[in-house]
Every structure is written in C-alpha cells, then in structure tokens.
Protein backbone atom coordinates (compact mmCIF):
# COMPACT_ATOMS: atom_id res chain seq x y z
CA MET A 1 -0.02 -0.02 0.03
CA LYS A 2 2.98 2.31 0.67
CA LEU A 3 3.92 2.10 -3.12
CA GLY A 4 0.47 3.31 -4.12
CA THR A 5 0.55 6.31 -1.72
CA LYS A 6 3.97 7.23 -2.81
CA ALA A 7 2.76 7.13 -6.53
CA LEU A 8 -0.31 9.15 -5.56
CA GLU A 9 1.89 11.80 -3.74
CA GLY A 10 4.03 12.08 -6.88
CA VAL A 11 1.18 12.65 -9.15
CA ALA A 12 -0.47 15.15 -6.87
CA THR A 13 2.92 17.07 -6.58
CA LYS A 14 3.38 17.18 -10.27
CA ALA A 15 -0.34 18.26 -10.73
CA GLY A 16 0.18 21.04 -8.34
CA GLU A 17 3.35 22.24 -10.14
CA THR A 18 1.60 22.23 -13.48
CA THR A 19 -1.51 24.09 -12.05
CA GLY A 20 0.94 26.74 -10.44
CA THR A 21 2.73 27.20 -13.76
CA LYS A 22 -0.59 27.69 -15.75
CA LEU A 23 -1.85 30.15 -13.12
CA THR A 24 1.44 32.16 -13.26
CA GLU A 25 1.36 32.09 -17.07
CA ASN A 26 -2.30 33.30 -17.16
CA GLY A 27 -1.54 36.05 -14.51
CA LEU A 28 1.43 37.19 -16.56
CA ASN A 29 -0.59 37.36 -19.76
CA LYS A 30 -3.36 39.41 -18.12
CA ALA A 31 -0.79 41.75 -16.60
CA LYS A 32 0.72 42.18 -20.15
CA ALA A 33 -2.57 42.89 -21.67
CA ILE A 34 -3.49 45.42 -18.98
CA TRP A 35 -0.05 47.20 -19.40
CA GLU A 36 -0.57 47.26 -23.27
CA LYS A 37 -3.80 49.26 -22.74
CA LEU A 38 -2.23 51.60 -20.00
CA PHE A 39 1.11 52.25 -21.49
CA PRO A 40 -0.13 54.72 -24.24
CA LYS A 41 -1.96 56.69 -21.59
CA VAL A 42 1.12 56.81 -19.25
CA GLU A 43 3.40 57.92 -22.14
CA ALA A 44 0.89 60.66 -23.03
CA LYS A 45 0.98 62.21 -19.54
CA GLU A 46 4.05 63.97 -18.30
CA SER A 47 3.03 63.55 -14.65
CA ALA A 48 2.49 59.87 -15.18
CA LYS A 49 6.15 59.59 -16.58
CA GLU A 50 7.55 61.36 -13.50
CA ALA A 51 5.59 59.07 -11.15
CA ALA A 52 6.88 55.99 -12.88
C-alpha cells in the first residue's frame, strides 16, 4: 500500500506544479494585456512619466 501512496503523492505534486505554472502564465498574460492598454496613456501624460 505504501507504493500506491507514494505514487499518488508524486502525481499530486506534479499536478500542483503544473497548475501553479498555468496560473502564473495566465496572470502574466493578463498583466501584459493591462499594461498594453495603459502604456499609451502613461506615455501621453508627463506627470505619469514622472511618477513612474
């Protein structure tokens, strides 16, 4: 039974890593999309450039 438990732990660990990677990729993609929308507005305002 220990062999089955170890195998299950390994699968669960790998699934968690994959899920974390996908969540990170999705978050990064959303952040990039938001920045692409905001960047022209930031560049257009002198005060926003100073704040950055």
